[in-house]
C-alpha atoms as a PDB file:
ATOM      1  CA  MET A   1      -5.211 -11.262  11.952  1.00  0.00           C
ATOM      2  CA  SER A   2      -4.540  -8.462   9.492  1.00  0.00           C
ATOM      3  CA  SER A   3      -7.053  -5.757   8.773  1.00  0.00           C
ATOM      4  CA  LYS A   4      -7.791  -3.282   6.033  1.00  0.00           C
ATOM      5  CA  SER A   5      -6.262  -0.468   8.087  1.00  0.00           C
ATOM      6  CA  GLU A   6      -2.917  -2.288   8.253  1.00  0.00           C
ATOM      7  CA  LEU A   7      -2.634  -1.960   4.495  1.00  0.00           C
ATOM      8  CA  LYS A   8      -1.842   1.739   4.943  1.00  0.00           C
ATOM      9  CA  LYS A   9       1.293   0.811   6.889  1.00  0.00           C
ATOM     10  CA  TRP A  10       2.196  -1.894   4.386  1.00  0.00           C
ATOM     11  CA  VAL A  11       1.830   0.528   1.458  1.00  0.00           C
ATOM     12  CA  LYS A  12       4.102   3.045   3.188  1.00  0.00           C
ATOM     13  CA  ASP A  13       6.641   0.307   3.962  1.00  0.00           C
ATOM     14  CA  ALA A  14       6.612  -0.812   0.324  1.00  0.00           C
ATOM     15  CA  LEU A  15       7.153   2.730  -0.916  1.00  0.00           C
ATOM     16  CA  ARG A  16      10.033   3.262   1.507  1.00  0.00           C
ATOM     17  CA  GLN A  17      11.662   0.046   0.264  1.00  0.00           C
ATOM     18  CA  HIS A  18      11.415   1.414  -3.289  1.00  0.00           C
ATOM     19  CA  GLY A  19      13.040   4.734  -2.461  1.00  0.00           C
ATOM     20  CA  GLY A  20       9.823   6.624  -1.726  1.00  0.00           C
ATOM     21  CA  SER A  21       7.884   5.924  -4.911  1.00  0.00           C
ATOM     22  CA  ALA A  22       6.714   2.917  -6.890  1.00  0.00           C
ATOM     23  CA  ILE A  23       4.111   1.740  -9.333  1.00  0.00           C
ATOM     24  CA  LEU A  24       1.074  -0.095  -8.025  1.00  0.00           C
ATOM     25  CA  LEU A  25       2.369  -3.467  -9.280  1.00  0.00           C
ATOM     26  CA  ASP A  26       5.604  -3.134  -7.293  1.00  0.00           C
ATOM     27  CA  VAL A  27       3.670  -2.158  -4.166  1.00  0.00           C
ATOM     28  CA  ALA A  28       1.421  -5.221  -4.580  1.00  0.00           C
ATOM     29  CA  LYS A  29       4.417  -7.521  -5.113  1.00  0.00           C
ATOM     30  CA  HIS A  30       6.119  -6.143  -2.008  1.00  0.00           C
ATOM     31  CA  ILE A  31       3.006  -6.615   0.120  1.00  0.00           C
ATOM     32  CA  TRP A  32       2.526 -10.180  -1.139  1.00  0.00           C
ATOM     33  CA  ALA A  33       6.206 -11.075  -0.621  1.00  0.00           C
ATOM     34  CA  ASN A  34       6.212  -9.733   2.934  1.00  0.00           C
ATOM     35  CA  HIS A  35       2.670 -10.397   4.148  1.00  0.00           C
ATOM     36  CA  GLU A  36       1.370 -13.439   2.251  1.00  0.00           C
ATOM     37  CA  LEU A  37       0.784 -15.427   5.424  1.00  0.00           C
ATOM     38  CA  ASP A  38      -0.939 -12.468   7.088  1.00  0.00           C
ATOM     39  CA  LEU A  39      -3.210 -12.061   4.077  1.00  0.00           C
ATOM     40  CA  ARG A  40      -4.041 -15.756   3.881  1.00  0.00           C
ATOM     41  CA  ALA A  41      -5.087 -15.682   7.552  1.00  0.00           C
ATOM     42  CA  ALA A  42      -7.106 -12.463   7.179  1.00  0.00           C
ATOM     43  CA  GLY A  43     -10.438 -13.944   6.149  1.00  0.00           C
ATOM     44  CA  ASP A  44     -12.250 -11.842   3.552  1.00  0.00           C
ATOM     45  CA  LEU A  45      -9.297  -9.462   3.254  1.00  0.00           C
ATOM     46  CA  PHE A  46      -7.484 -12.223   1.357  1.00  0.00           C
ATOM     47  CA  TYR A  47     -10.001 -11.780  -1.453  1.00  0.00           C
ATOM     48  CA  THR A  48     -10.123  -7.973  -1.418  1.00  0.00           C
ATOM     49  CA  TRP A  49      -6.601  -6.872  -0.460  1.00  0.00           C
ATOM     50  CA  GLN A  50      -5.609  -5.525  -3.880  1.00  0.00           C
ATOM     51  CA  TYR A  51      -8.724  -3.338  -4.007  1.00  0.00           C
ATOM     52  CA  ASP A  52      -8.180  -2.366  -0.364  1.00  0.00           C
ATOM     53  CA  MET A  53      -4.565  -1.469  -1.149  1.00  0.00           C
ATOM     54  CA  ARG A  54      -5.895   1.163  -3.563  1.00  0.00           C
ATOM     55  CA  TRP A  55      -8.273   2.367  -0.830  1.00  0.00           C
ATOM     56  CA  ALA A  56      -5.246   2.661   1.483  1.00  0.00           C
ATOM     57  CA  CYS A  57      -3.481   4.813  -1.113  1.00  0.00           C
ATOM     58  CA  THR A  58      -6.476   7.153  -1.288  1.00  0.00           C
ATOM     59  CA  GLU A  59      -6.597   7.381   2.508  1.00  0.00           C
ATOM     60  CA  LEU A  60      -2.848   8.091   2.674  1.00  0.00           C
ATOM     61  CA  ARG A  61      -3.339  10.943   0.197  1.00  0.00           C
ATOM     62  CA  LYS A  62      -6.160  12.349   2.343  1.00  0.00           C
ATOM     63  CA  ASP A  63      -3.871  12.056   5.398  1.00  0.00           C
ATOM     64  CA  GLY A  64      -1.112  13.974   3.584  1.00  0.00           C
ATOM     65  CA  ASP A  65       1.297  11.017   3.504  1.00  0.00           C
ATOM     66  CA  LEU A  66       1.223  10.520  -0.283  1.00  0.00           C
ATOM     67  CA  GLU A  67       1.585  13.103  -3.003  1.00  0.00           C
ATOM     68  CA  GLU A  68      -1.146  13.670  -5.533  1.00  0.00           C
ATOM     69  CA  PRO A  69      -0.281  11.690  -8.659  1.00  0.00           C
ATOM     70  CA  VAL A  70       1.831  13.473 -11.254  1.00  0.00           C
ATOM     71  CA  LYS A  71       2.191  10.385 -13.418  1.00  0.00           C
ATOM     72  CA  ARG A  72      -0.593   7.813 -13.651  1.00  0.00           C
ATOM     73  CA  GLY A  73       0.067   4.705 -11.589  1.00  0.00           C
ATOM     74  CA  VAL A  74       3.007   6.069  -9.601  1.00  0.00           C
ATOM     75  CA  TRP A  75       2.561   6.359  -5.852  1.00  0.00           C
ATOM     76  CA  LYS A  76       4.969   8.661  -4.031  1.00  0.00           C
ATOM     77  CA  LEU A  77       5.471   9.428  -0.352  1.00  0.00           C
ATOM     78  CA  VAL A  78       5.554  13.047   0.732  1.00  0.00           C
ATOM     79  CA  SER A  79       9.076  13.914   1.905  1.00  0.00           C
ATOM     80  CA  GLY A  80       9.575  13.022   5.554  1.00  0.00           C
ATOM     81  CA  HIS A  81       6.860  10.365   5.653  1.00  0.00           C
END
């Protein structure tokens, strides 16, 4: 079963697939397209995953994996991550 902490990996995977940066909507679409079954089997996470995806972004920024936003709504990986 998937957990909230796995969303950090999924966000990074989505950003890599979009060349290192993407808007929130594209990240959400990527996660849904690639992890729908995981999310459906994840209990309460199924109902909170889009909020938790934003939490994951904040945590990735704290970890130094994502850049601070320059443009609203654009998430960008730090080079080499």
